[in-house]
């Protein structure tokens, strides 16, 4: 199947923005990587800001599905399933091209622009993950699933940030152990 021009532009932007950062990549570089003119790029996107927002939007559902897949495939109780997400992220972070969470990196780059459309996309993505985790914890008998999911998100995002500082994937592995302990402690005891 041939990709349409818009998809080629988003694919090029995704590769460049993730690898080099938002501010470091020009619209000219994205157009060149996509094999289109700058005029064509601007036909599909009003501004670089819109392109950055679309870059994050294109990562939203694939990332959420990946977390759901890892959670669903894991053996054990819900605490093991939550830890499995962190263990899979540990493996992903070992890849030489891994640059961290694109949502957090973009947010950090655009922190001084609170109205930027990409910040809304990033916040919505993080909230969708938290809501999905809350529902998953609730359906597996976890008490206070909203609070526990928020704590797990804090562990995950904190580990993402720390891994970027130290370039050491073991931080997310340790965060996974902590998340497992949190969830295990919030499981309702079986009814007798």
N, C-alpha and C. Protein backbone atom coordinates (compact mmCIF):
# COMPACT_ATOMS: atom_id res chain seq x y z
N UNK A 1 0.83 -1.18 0.00
CA UNK A 1 0.00 0.00 0.00
C UNK A 1 0.89 1.25 0.00
N UNK A 2 0.60 2.18 -0.89
CA UNK A 2 1.36 3.42 -0.96
C UNK A 2 0.89 4.39 0.11
N UNK A 3 1.84 5.04 0.70
CA UNK A 3 1.50 6.05 1.70
C UNK A 3 1.14 7.34 0.99
N UNK A 4 0.16 8.03 1.53
CA UNK A 4 -0.15 9.33 0.94
C UNK A 4 0.87 10.35 1.43
N UNK A 5 0.86 11.51 0.83
CA UNK A 5 1.85 12.54 1.12
C UNK A 5 1.83 12.95 2.58
N UNK A 6 0.65 13.13 3.12
CA UNK A 6 0.54 13.53 4.53
C UNK A 6 1.21 12.50 5.45
N UNK A 7 0.95 11.22 5.19
CA UNK A 7 1.56 10.16 6.00
C UNK A 7 3.08 10.16 5.87
N UNK A 8 3.59 10.40 4.66
CA UNK A 8 5.04 10.46 4.46
C UNK A 8 5.65 11.61 5.26
N UNK A 9 4.96 12.72 5.30
CA UNK A 9 5.45 13.87 6.06
C UNK A 9 5.47 13.54 7.56
N UNK A 10 4.39 12.94 8.05
CA UNK A 10 4.32 12.58 9.47
C UNK A 10 5.38 11.54 9.82
N UNK A 11 5.58 10.56 8.94
CA UNK A 11 6.62 9.56 9.19
C UNK A 11 8.00 10.20 9.27
N UNK A 12 8.28 11.11 8.36
CA UNK A 12 9.58 11.80 8.36
C UNK A 12 9.72 12.64 9.63
N UNK A 13 8.68 13.37 9.99
CA UNK A 13 8.71 14.19 11.20
C UNK A 13 8.91 13.32 12.43
N UNK A 14 8.24 12.19 12.49
CA UNK A 14 8.36 11.28 13.63
C UNK A 14 9.80 10.84 13.81
N UNK A 15 10.43 10.41 12.73
CA UNK A 15 11.81 9.94 12.82
C UNK A 15 12.74 11.07 13.27
N UNK A 16 12.59 12.23 12.65
CA UNK A 16 13.49 13.34 12.97
C UNK A 16 13.22 13.93 14.36
N UNK A 17 11.96 14.19 14.67
CA UNK A 17 11.64 14.79 15.97
C UNK A 17 12.04 13.87 17.12
N UNK A 18 11.77 12.57 16.96
CA UNK A 18 12.10 11.65 18.04
C UNK A 18 13.62 11.55 18.21
N UNK A 19 14.34 11.48 17.12
CA UNK A 19 15.79 11.30 17.19
C UNK A 19 16.52 12.58 17.62
N UNK A 20 16.09 13.74 17.09
CA UNK A 20 16.88 14.95 17.27
C UNK A 20 16.21 16.01 18.15
N UNK A 21 14.91 15.90 18.37
CA UNK A 21 14.19 16.89 19.15
C UNK A 21 13.42 17.85 18.26
N UNK A 22 12.44 18.49 18.85
CA UNK A 22 11.54 19.38 18.10
C UNK A 22 12.27 20.62 17.61
N UNK A 23 12.95 21.28 18.49
CA UNK A 23 13.59 22.56 18.13
C UNK A 23 14.77 22.38 17.18
N UNK A 24 15.44 21.25 17.24
CA UNK A 24 16.61 21.01 16.40
C UNK A 24 16.26 20.70 14.95
N UNK A 25 15.02 20.34 14.69
CA UNK A 25 14.61 19.92 13.35
C UNK A 25 13.81 21.02 12.67
N UNK A 26 14.25 21.41 11.52
CA UNK A 26 13.55 22.45 10.76
C UNK A 26 12.47 21.83 9.87
N UNK A 27 11.56 22.66 9.45
CA UNK A 27 10.54 22.23 8.49
C UNK A 27 11.22 21.81 7.18
N UNK A 28 12.28 22.50 6.81
CA UNK A 28 13.03 22.12 5.60
C UNK A 28 13.56 20.69 5.71
N UNK A 29 14.08 20.34 6.89
CA UNK A 29 14.62 18.99 7.09
C UNK A 29 13.52 17.94 6.99
N UNK A 30 12.35 18.23 7.54
CA UNK A 30 11.23 17.29 7.46
C UNK A 30 10.79 17.13 6.01
N UNK A 31 10.66 18.23 5.29
CA UNK A 31 10.26 18.16 3.88
C UNK A 31 11.26 17.35 3.08
N UNK A 32 12.55 17.59 3.30
CA UNK A 32 13.57 16.85 2.57
C UNK A 32 13.50 15.36 2.88
N UNK A 33 13.36 15.01 4.15
CA UNK A 33 13.28 13.59 4.53
C UNK A 33 12.04 12.93 3.94
N UNK A 34 10.94 13.69 3.84
CA UNK A 34 9.70 13.14 3.28
C UNK A 34 9.71 13.11 1.75
N UNK A 35 10.68 13.81 1.16
CA UNK A 35 10.76 13.86 -0.30
C UNK A 35 9.71 14.76 -0.91
N UNK A 36 9.36 15.82 -0.20
CA UNK A 36 8.37 16.78 -0.69
C UNK A 36 8.95 18.19 -0.59
N UNK A 37 8.29 19.12 -1.22
CA UNK A 37 8.71 20.51 -1.08
C UNK A 37 8.15 21.08 0.21
N UNK A 38 8.76 22.18 0.63
CA UNK A 38 8.26 22.88 1.81
C UNK A 38 6.83 23.38 1.57
N UNK A 39 6.55 23.79 0.35
CA UNK A 39 5.20 24.25 0.00
C UNK A 39 4.20 23.10 0.17
N UNK A 40 4.59 21.90 -0.24
CA UNK A 40 3.70 20.74 -0.08
C UNK A 40 3.47 20.45 1.39
N UNK A 41 4.52 20.54 2.18
CA UNK A 41 4.38 20.32 3.63
C UNK A 41 3.38 21.31 4.20
N UNK A 42 3.52 22.57 3.84
CA UNK A 42 2.60 23.59 4.36
C UNK A 42 1.19 23.49 3.78
N UNK A 43 1.04 22.78 2.69
CA UNK A 43 -0.30 22.49 2.17
C UNK A 43 -1.03 21.56 3.14
N UNK A 44 -0.28 20.62 3.72
CA UNK A 44 -0.86 19.62 4.62
C UNK A 44 -0.89 20.07 6.09
N UNK A 45 0.01 20.97 6.46
CA UNK A 45 0.10 21.44 7.85
C UNK A 45 0.26 22.95 7.84
N UNK A 46 -0.58 23.62 8.59
CA UNK A 46 -0.54 25.09 8.61
C UNK A 46 0.76 25.63 9.17
N UNK A 47 1.35 24.90 10.12
CA UNK A 47 2.55 25.38 10.79
C UNK A 47 3.35 24.20 11.33
N UNK A 48 4.56 24.49 11.75
CA UNK A 48 5.38 23.47 12.40
C UNK A 48 4.68 23.00 13.68
N UNK A 49 4.02 23.91 14.39
CA UNK A 49 3.30 23.54 15.60
C UNK A 49 2.26 22.46 15.32
N UNK A 50 1.53 22.62 14.22
CA UNK A 50 0.53 21.60 13.84
C UNK A 50 1.19 20.27 13.50
N UNK A 51 2.34 20.34 12.86
CA UNK A 51 3.08 19.11 12.53
C UNK A 51 3.58 18.41 13.79
N UNK A 52 4.06 19.18 14.74
CA UNK A 52 4.53 18.60 16.00
C UNK A 52 3.35 17.93 16.73
N UNK A 53 2.20 18.57 16.75
CA UNK A 53 1.01 17.98 17.39
C UNK A 53 0.62 16.69 16.68
N UNK A 54 0.70 16.67 15.36
CA UNK A 54 0.35 15.46 14.61
C UNK A 54 1.36 14.35 14.85
N UNK A 55 2.62 14.70 14.99
CA UNK A 55 3.65 13.72 15.32
C UNK A 55 3.27 12.99 16.61
N UNK A 56 2.89 13.73 17.64
CA UNK A 56 2.50 13.08 18.90
C UNK A 56 1.19 12.32 18.74
N UNK A 57 0.24 12.90 18.04
CA UNK A 57 -1.05 12.21 17.82
C UNK A 57 -0.84 10.86 17.14
N UNK A 58 0.10 10.80 16.21
CA UNK A 58 0.35 9.55 15.49
C UNK A 58 0.96 8.48 16.39
N UNK A 59 1.55 8.88 17.50
CA UNK A 59 2.16 7.93 18.43
C UNK A 59 1.19 7.48 19.53
N UNK A 60 0.09 8.21 19.70
CA UNK A 60 -0.84 7.98 20.80
C UNK A 60 -1.38 6.55 20.83
N UNK A 61 -2.19 6.19 19.86
CA UNK A 61 -2.83 4.88 19.88
C UNK A 61 -1.84 3.71 19.77
N UNK A 62 -0.82 3.79 18.91
CA UNK A 62 0.14 2.67 18.91
C UNK A 62 0.80 2.44 20.26
N UNK A 63 1.16 3.52 20.96
CA UNK A 63 1.77 3.36 22.29
C UNK A 63 0.78 2.75 23.28
N UNK A 64 -0.45 3.24 23.28
CA UNK A 64 -1.45 2.70 24.21
C UNK A 64 -1.73 1.23 23.92
N UNK A 65 -1.83 0.87 22.65
CA UNK A 65 -2.06 -0.54 22.29
C UNK A 65 -0.90 -1.42 22.74
N UNK A 66 0.30 -0.90 22.63
CA UNK A 66 1.47 -1.67 23.05
C UNK A 66 1.42 -1.95 24.55
N UNK A 67 1.08 -0.94 25.35
CA UNK A 67 0.95 -1.15 26.79
C UNK A 67 -0.13 -2.18 27.10
N UNK A 68 -1.26 -2.06 26.41
CA UNK A 68 -2.36 -3.02 26.62
C UNK A 68 -1.93 -4.43 26.25
N UNK A 69 -1.17 -4.56 25.17
CA UNK A 69 -0.70 -5.88 24.73
C UNK A 69 0.24 -6.47 25.77
N UNK A 70 1.19 -5.69 26.25
CA UNK A 70 2.12 -6.19 27.26
C UNK A 70 1.39 -6.59 28.53
N UNK A 71 0.44 -5.78 28.94
CA UNK A 71 -0.36 -6.06 30.13
C UNK A 71 -1.14 -7.36 29.94
N UNK A 72 -1.81 -7.49 28.82
CA UNK A 72 -2.65 -8.66 28.56
C UNK A 72 -1.86 -9.95 28.41
N UNK A 73 -0.65 -9.87 27.87
CA UNK A 73 0.15 -11.08 27.63
C UNK A 73 0.88 -11.57 28.88
N UNK A 74 0.99 -10.73 29.88
CA UNK A 74 1.76 -11.10 31.08
C UNK A 74 1.01 -12.15 31.90
N UNK A 75 1.77 -13.06 32.45
CA UNK A 75 1.23 -14.09 33.34
C UNK A 75 1.16 -13.52 34.76
N UNK A 76 0.29 -14.11 35.57
CA UNK A 76 0.22 -13.72 36.97
C UNK A 76 -0.94 -12.80 37.26
N UNK A 77 -0.90 -12.21 38.46
CA UNK A 77 -1.99 -11.32 38.85
C UNK A 77 -1.75 -9.92 38.26
N UNK A 78 -2.62 -9.00 38.62
CA UNK A 78 -2.55 -7.66 38.04
C UNK A 78 -1.25 -6.95 38.40
N UNK A 79 -0.67 -7.25 39.55
CA UNK A 79 0.61 -6.62 39.90
C UNK A 79 1.72 -7.08 38.97
N UNK A 80 1.68 -8.36 38.58
CA UNK A 80 2.65 -8.89 37.62
C UNK A 80 2.45 -8.25 36.25
N UNK A 81 1.19 -8.02 35.89
CA UNK A 81 0.87 -7.42 34.60
C UNK A 81 1.35 -5.97 34.52
N UNK A 82 1.20 -5.24 35.60
CA UNK A 82 1.70 -3.87 35.64
C UNK A 82 3.23 -3.87 35.55
N UNK A 83 3.86 -4.74 36.31
CA UNK A 83 5.32 -4.82 36.25
C UNK A 83 5.80 -5.19 34.85
N UNK A 84 5.04 -6.02 34.15
CA UNK A 84 5.42 -6.44 32.80
C UNK A 84 5.56 -5.25 31.85
N UNK A 85 4.72 -4.25 32.01
CA UNK A 85 4.83 -3.04 31.18
C UNK A 85 6.21 -2.42 31.40
N UNK A 86 6.62 -2.30 32.63
CA UNK A 86 7.92 -1.71 32.95
C UNK A 86 9.07 -2.58 32.43
N UNK A 87 8.92 -3.90 32.53
CA UNK A 87 9.97 -4.79 32.04
C UNK A 87 10.12 -4.69 30.53
N UNK A 88 9.00 -4.57 29.83
CA UNK A 88 9.06 -4.38 28.37
C UNK A 88 9.69 -3.04 28.02
N UNK A 89 9.37 -2.02 28.79
CA UNK A 89 9.99 -0.71 28.57
C UNK A 89 11.49 -0.76 28.84
N UNK A 90 11.90 -1.57 29.81
CA UNK A 90 13.32 -1.75 30.09
C UNK A 90 14.03 -2.30 28.86
N UNK A 91 13.41 -3.30 28.23
CA UNK A 91 14.01 -3.88 27.02
C UNK A 91 14.04 -2.87 25.89
N UNK A 92 12.97 -2.10 25.73
CA UNK A 92 12.93 -1.08 24.67
C UNK A 92 14.03 -0.04 24.89
N UNK A 93 14.27 0.32 26.15
CA UNK A 93 15.27 1.34 26.47
C UNK A 93 16.69 0.86 26.20
N UNK A 94 16.86 -0.43 26.06
CA UNK A 94 18.20 -0.96 25.76
C UNK A 94 18.56 -0.82 24.28
N UNK A 95 17.58 -0.51 23.45
CA UNK A 95 17.84 -0.35 22.01
C UNK A 95 18.66 0.92 21.79
N UNK A 96 19.67 0.87 20.94
CA UNK A 96 20.51 2.05 20.76
C UNK A 96 19.79 3.29 20.22
N UNK A 97 18.67 3.12 19.56
CA UNK A 97 17.93 4.26 19.02
C UNK A 97 16.89 4.82 20.00
N UNK A 98 16.78 4.20 21.18
CA UNK A 98 15.79 4.67 22.14
C UNK A 98 16.18 6.04 22.67
N UNK A 99 15.24 6.96 22.66
CA UNK A 99 15.49 8.33 23.10
C UNK A 99 14.54 8.75 24.22
N UNK A 100 13.87 7.81 24.83
CA UNK A 100 12.96 8.15 25.92
C UNK A 100 11.53 8.31 25.43
N UNK A 101 10.71 8.83 26.30
CA UNK A 101 9.30 9.05 25.99
C UNK A 101 9.17 10.31 25.14
N UNK A 102 8.71 10.14 23.92
CA UNK A 102 8.55 11.28 23.01
C UNK A 102 7.58 12.33 23.55
N UNK A 103 6.59 11.89 24.28
CA UNK A 103 5.61 12.83 24.85
C UNK A 103 6.27 13.72 25.91
N UNK A 104 7.07 13.11 26.79
CA UNK A 104 7.74 13.89 27.82
C UNK A 104 8.84 14.78 27.25
N UNK A 105 9.59 14.26 26.29
CA UNK A 105 10.66 15.06 25.68
C UNK A 105 10.07 16.27 24.97
N UNK A 106 8.97 16.08 24.26
CA UNK A 106 8.33 17.20 23.57
C UNK A 106 7.80 18.21 24.58
N UNK A 107 7.19 17.73 25.63
CA UNK A 107 6.68 18.62 26.67
C UNK A 107 7.81 19.44 27.29
N UNK A 108 8.93 18.80 27.54
CA UNK A 108 10.07 19.53 28.11
C UNK A 108 10.56 20.62 27.16
N UNK A 109 10.61 20.30 25.87
CA UNK A 109 11.07 21.30 24.90
C UNK A 109 10.10 22.47 24.76
N UNK A 110 8.83 22.20 24.97
CA UNK A 110 7.81 23.23 24.75
C UNK A 110 7.23 23.78 26.06
N UNK A 111 7.90 23.53 27.15
CA UNK A 111 7.37 23.91 28.47
C UNK A 111 7.07 25.40 28.59
N UNK A 112 7.79 26.22 27.86
CA UNK A 112 7.55 27.67 27.95
C UNK A 112 6.46 28.15 26.99
N UNK A 113 5.76 27.19 26.37
CA UNK A 113 4.67 27.52 25.44
C UNK A 113 3.40 26.77 25.87
N UNK A 114 2.79 27.15 26.98
CA UNK A 114 1.68 26.37 27.54
C UNK A 114 0.48 26.18 26.60
N UNK A 115 0.30 27.03 25.62
CA UNK A 115 -0.82 26.87 24.71
C UNK A 115 -0.52 26.05 23.47
N UNK A 116 0.69 25.49 23.40
CA UNK A 116 1.08 24.73 22.20
C UNK A 116 0.18 23.51 22.02
N UNK A 117 -0.29 23.27 20.79
CA UNK A 117 -1.20 22.13 20.57
C UNK A 117 -0.58 20.78 20.92
N UNK A 118 0.72 20.64 20.79
CA UNK A 118 1.36 19.36 21.12
C UNK A 118 1.29 19.07 22.62
N UNK A 119 1.29 20.12 23.44
CA UNK A 119 1.18 19.90 24.89
C UNK A 119 -0.19 19.32 25.25
N UNK A 120 -1.22 19.77 24.55
CA UNK A 120 -2.56 19.21 24.79
C UNK A 120 -2.61 17.74 24.36
N UNK A 121 -1.96 17.43 23.23
CA UNK A 121 -1.92 16.04 22.76
C UNK A 121 -1.18 15.18 23.77
N UNK A 122 -0.04 15.66 24.25
CA UNK A 122 0.74 14.90 25.23
C UNK A 122 -0.01 14.68 26.53
N UNK A 123 -0.67 15.73 27.02
CA UNK A 123 -1.45 15.60 28.26
C UNK A 123 -2.60 14.61 28.07
N UNK A 124 -3.26 14.67 26.93
CA UNK A 124 -4.37 13.74 26.66
C UNK A 124 -3.87 12.30 26.60
N UNK A 125 -2.71 12.09 26.00
CA UNK A 125 -2.14 10.74 25.91
C UNK A 125 -1.86 10.20 27.32
N UNK A 126 -1.20 11.00 28.14
CA UNK A 126 -0.88 10.55 29.49
C UNK A 126 -2.15 10.26 30.29
N UNK A 127 -3.17 11.07 30.09
CA UNK A 127 -4.44 10.87 30.80
C UNK A 127 -5.14 9.60 30.31
N UNK A 128 -5.09 9.33 29.00
CA UNK A 128 -5.69 8.09 28.47
C UNK A 128 -5.03 6.87 29.08
N UNK A 129 -3.70 6.91 29.19
CA UNK A 129 -3.00 5.78 29.80
C UNK A 129 -3.43 5.62 31.25
N UNK A 130 -3.47 6.72 31.97
CA UNK A 130 -3.87 6.67 33.39
C UNK A 130 -5.30 6.13 33.53
N UNK A 131 -6.22 6.59 32.69
CA UNK A 131 -7.60 6.12 32.74
C UNK A 131 -7.69 4.64 32.41
N UNK A 132 -6.95 4.21 31.38
CA UNK A 132 -6.95 2.79 31.02
C UNK A 132 -6.42 1.96 32.20
N UNK A 133 -5.34 2.43 32.81
CA UNK A 133 -4.77 1.69 33.94
C UNK A 133 -5.74 1.65 35.12
N UNK A 134 -6.41 2.76 35.38
CA UNK A 134 -7.41 2.79 36.46
C UNK A 134 -8.48 1.74 36.21
N UNK A 135 -9.00 1.69 35.00
CA UNK A 135 -10.04 0.70 34.66
C UNK A 135 -9.51 -0.72 34.78
N UNK A 136 -8.28 -0.94 34.33
CA UNK A 136 -7.69 -2.28 34.41
C UNK A 136 -7.50 -2.71 35.85
N UNK A 137 -7.00 -1.80 36.68
CA UNK A 137 -6.80 -2.13 38.10
C UNK A 137 -8.14 -2.40 38.78
N UNK A 138 -9.13 -1.59 38.47
CA UNK A 138 -10.46 -1.76 39.05
C UNK A 138 -11.05 -3.12 38.68
N UNK A 139 -10.93 -3.49 37.42
CA UNK A 139 -11.52 -4.76 36.97
C UNK A 139 -10.77 -5.98 37.51
N UNK A 140 -9.57 -5.76 38.04
CA UNK A 140 -8.80 -6.86 38.63
C UNK A 140 -8.83 -6.82 40.16
N UNK A 141 -9.78 -6.07 40.74
CA UNK A 141 -9.99 -6.10 42.18
C UNK A 141 -9.05 -5.23 42.99
N UNK A 142 -8.50 -4.22 42.38
CA UNK A 142 -7.59 -3.33 43.10
C UNK A 142 -8.40 -2.25 43.83
N UNK A 143 -8.08 -2.02 45.10
CA UNK A 143 -8.74 -0.95 45.84
C UNK A 143 -8.08 0.38 45.47
N UNK A 144 -8.84 1.44 45.48
CA UNK A 144 -8.36 2.79 45.14
C UNK A 144 -7.61 2.81 43.81
N UNK A 145 -8.22 2.27 42.76
CA UNK A 145 -7.50 2.17 41.48
C UNK A 145 -7.07 3.51 40.90
N UNK A 146 -7.85 4.57 41.16
CA UNK A 146 -7.47 5.88 40.63
C UNK A 146 -6.18 6.38 41.27
N UNK A 147 -6.05 6.25 42.57
CA UNK A 147 -4.84 6.69 43.26
C UNK A 147 -3.64 5.81 42.88
N UNK A 148 -3.86 4.51 42.81
CA UNK A 148 -2.77 3.59 42.47
C UNK A 148 -2.30 3.83 41.04
N UNK A 149 -3.23 4.04 40.11
CA UNK A 149 -2.81 4.28 38.73
C UNK A 149 -2.00 5.57 38.63
N UNK A 150 -2.40 6.58 39.36
CA UNK A 150 -1.66 7.84 39.35
C UNK A 150 -0.24 7.62 39.90
N UNK A 151 -0.11 6.83 40.95
CA UNK A 151 1.20 6.55 41.52
C UNK A 151 2.07 5.76 40.53
N UNK A 152 1.45 4.83 39.81
CA UNK A 152 2.18 4.06 38.81
C UNK A 152 2.66 4.98 37.68
N UNK A 153 1.81 5.91 37.26
CA UNK A 153 2.20 6.86 36.22
C UNK A 153 3.37 7.72 36.70
N UNK A 154 3.33 8.15 37.95
CA UNK A 154 4.45 8.92 38.50
C UNK A 154 5.75 8.11 38.49
N UNK A 155 5.65 6.84 38.84
CA UNK A 155 6.83 5.97 38.79
C UNK A 155 7.35 5.84 37.36
N UNK A 156 6.44 5.64 36.42
CA UNK A 156 6.84 5.46 35.02
C UNK A 156 7.51 6.72 34.46
N UNK A 157 6.84 7.85 34.62
CA UNK A 157 7.38 9.08 34.06
C UNK A 157 8.66 9.50 34.77
N UNK A 158 8.73 9.26 36.07
CA UNK A 158 9.97 9.54 36.80
C UNK A 158 11.11 8.66 36.30
N UNK A 159 10.81 7.40 36.04
CA UNK A 159 11.84 6.49 35.53
C UNK A 159 12.27 6.89 34.12
N UNK A 160 11.31 7.31 33.28
CA UNK A 160 11.67 7.79 31.94
C UNK A 160 12.67 8.94 32.04
N UNK A 161 12.39 9.88 32.91
CA UNK A 161 13.26 11.05 33.07
C UNK A 161 14.63 10.64 33.61
N UNK A 162 14.66 9.79 34.60
CA UNK A 162 15.91 9.37 35.21
C UNK A 162 16.76 8.56 34.23
N UNK A 163 16.10 7.76 33.40
CA UNK A 163 16.85 6.99 32.40
C UNK A 163 17.53 7.92 31.40
N UNK A 164 16.88 9.01 31.06
CA UNK A 164 17.52 9.96 30.14
C UNK A 164 18.74 10.62 30.77
N UNK A 165 18.67 10.88 32.05
CA UNK A 165 19.80 11.50 32.75
C UNK A 165 20.98 10.52 32.83
N UNK A 166 20.69 9.29 33.23
CA UNK A 166 21.76 8.32 33.49
C UNK A 166 22.01 7.33 32.35
N UNK A 167 21.11 7.30 31.38
CA UNK A 167 21.22 6.33 30.27
C UNK A 167 21.34 4.91 30.81
N UNK A 168 20.49 4.62 31.80
CA UNK A 168 20.53 3.32 32.46
C UNK A 168 19.11 2.77 32.58
N UNK A 169 18.77 1.75 31.76
CA UNK A 169 17.42 1.19 31.77
C UNK A 169 17.02 0.50 33.07
N UNK A 170 17.98 0.23 33.94
CA UNK A 170 17.62 -0.44 35.19
C UNK A 170 16.70 0.42 36.06
N UNK A 171 16.68 1.73 35.82
CA UNK A 171 15.78 2.59 36.60
C UNK A 171 14.32 2.24 36.34
N UNK A 172 13.98 1.94 35.11
CA UNK A 172 12.57 1.61 34.85
C UNK A 172 12.25 0.21 35.39
N UNK A 173 13.24 -0.65 35.40
CA UNK A 173 13.05 -1.97 35.99
C UNK A 173 12.75 -1.84 37.49
N UNK A 174 13.51 -0.99 38.17
CA UNK A 174 13.26 -0.76 39.60
C UNK A 174 11.91 -0.10 39.82
N UNK A 175 11.55 0.83 38.96
CA UNK A 175 10.23 1.46 39.06
C UNK A 175 9.13 0.42 38.89
N UNK A 176 9.37 -0.57 38.02
CA UNK A 176 8.41 -1.65 37.84
C UNK A 176 8.23 -2.49 39.10
N UNK A 177 9.33 -2.73 39.79
CA UNK A 177 9.23 -3.47 41.07
C UNK A 177 8.41 -2.67 42.08
N UNK A 178 8.65 -1.36 42.12
CA UNK A 178 7.89 -0.51 43.04
C UNK A 178 6.41 -0.49 42.66
N UNK A 179 6.13 -0.42 41.36
CA UNK A 179 4.74 -0.43 40.90
C UNK A 179 4.06 -1.74 41.27
N UNK A 180 4.77 -2.84 41.11
CA UNK A 180 4.22 -4.14 41.47
C UNK A 180 3.87 -4.18 42.95
N UNK A 181 4.75 -3.66 43.79
CA UNK A 181 4.51 -3.63 45.23
C UNK A 181 3.28 -2.78 45.56
N UNK A 182 3.17 -1.62 44.92
CA UNK A 182 2.00 -0.75 45.13
C UNK A 182 0.70 -1.47 44.78
N UNK A 183 0.70 -2.07 43.61
CA UNK A 183 -0.53 -2.73 43.14
C UNK A 183 -0.85 -3.94 44.02
N UNK A 184 0.16 -4.73 44.34
CA UNK A 184 -0.07 -5.91 45.18
C UNK A 184 -0.66 -5.50 46.52
N UNK A 185 -0.20 -4.41 47.09
CA UNK A 185 -0.71 -3.93 48.36
C UNK A 185 -2.15 -3.42 48.29
N UNK A 186 -2.60 -3.11 47.09
CA UNK A 186 -3.95 -2.57 46.92
C UNK A 186 -4.96 -3.63 46.44
N UNK A 187 -4.51 -4.86 46.32
CA UNK A 187 -5.44 -5.92 45.88
C UNK A 187 -6.35 -6.32 47.03
N UNK A 188 -7.60 -6.45 46.72
CA UNK A 188 -8.57 -6.89 47.73
C UNK A 188 -8.30 -8.36 48.04
N UNK A 189 -8.34 -8.69 49.32
CA UNK A 189 -8.14 -10.11 49.67
C UNK A 189 -9.29 -10.95 49.12
N UNK A 190 -8.99 -12.19 48.73
CA UNK A 190 -10.06 -13.04 48.20
C UNK A 190 -11.16 -13.27 49.25
N UNK A 191 -12.39 -13.30 48.77
CA UNK A 191 -13.53 -13.52 49.68
C UNK A 191 -13.60 -14.99 50.04
N UNK A 192 -13.87 -15.24 51.33
CA UNK A 192 -13.96 -16.63 51.79
C UNK A 192 -15.37 -17.04 52.04
